[in-house]
Amino acid sequence: MRRGWQIAGVCLAGLFAGALFLSLGYSLSDALGPGSGFFPFWLSVAGLGLCVLLLVEASKAGRDSDADMGLLPGREAAWRAGAVLIALVAAAALLEPLGFRLTMLLFIAGLLPALGARSPVAIGACALIGSFGVFHVFYYWLKVPLPVGTLGL
């Protein structure tokens, strides 16, 4: 497993290095503030930093630390991964007909219990803030067009 983490770290570092190289072709700032290359540049820098940390951590780990780990996930982890995949497919299918707010409300409210959250108050608050709150910030404040849906919600 240690070798696998090292290979994954090197591959991701190559991906982030390529993105960093491509982002240098765009301006980091313009007259109004950050330019078109600002976000990709800093995202690539952060990704490279995290890859370095991953490589250091994987290299420092002892050989005995992952001796009991199998290649495939356990039943609980596989169920959760499947739930995430199904929820993502359902959210992608429902985004246009229901709109962002209702889709994200259902997505978050359904996914959090599947991932182990048990507090109904916390699930409800996260679902409301993650759907209606995020929509309000992006649609009204940042002027990012998000799908409204056929119900207008």
Foldseek 3Di string as FASTA:
>chain_A
DLVVLLVVLVVQLVVLVVLLVVLVVWDQADPVGGTPSVVSNVVSVVSNVVSVVSNVVSVPDDPPPCPPPDPDDDPLVVQLVVQLVVLVVVLVVCCQAAHQQVSQLCSQLRNVVSVPDDDPVVSNVCSNCVRVVVCCCCCPVVVHDTHCHPVND
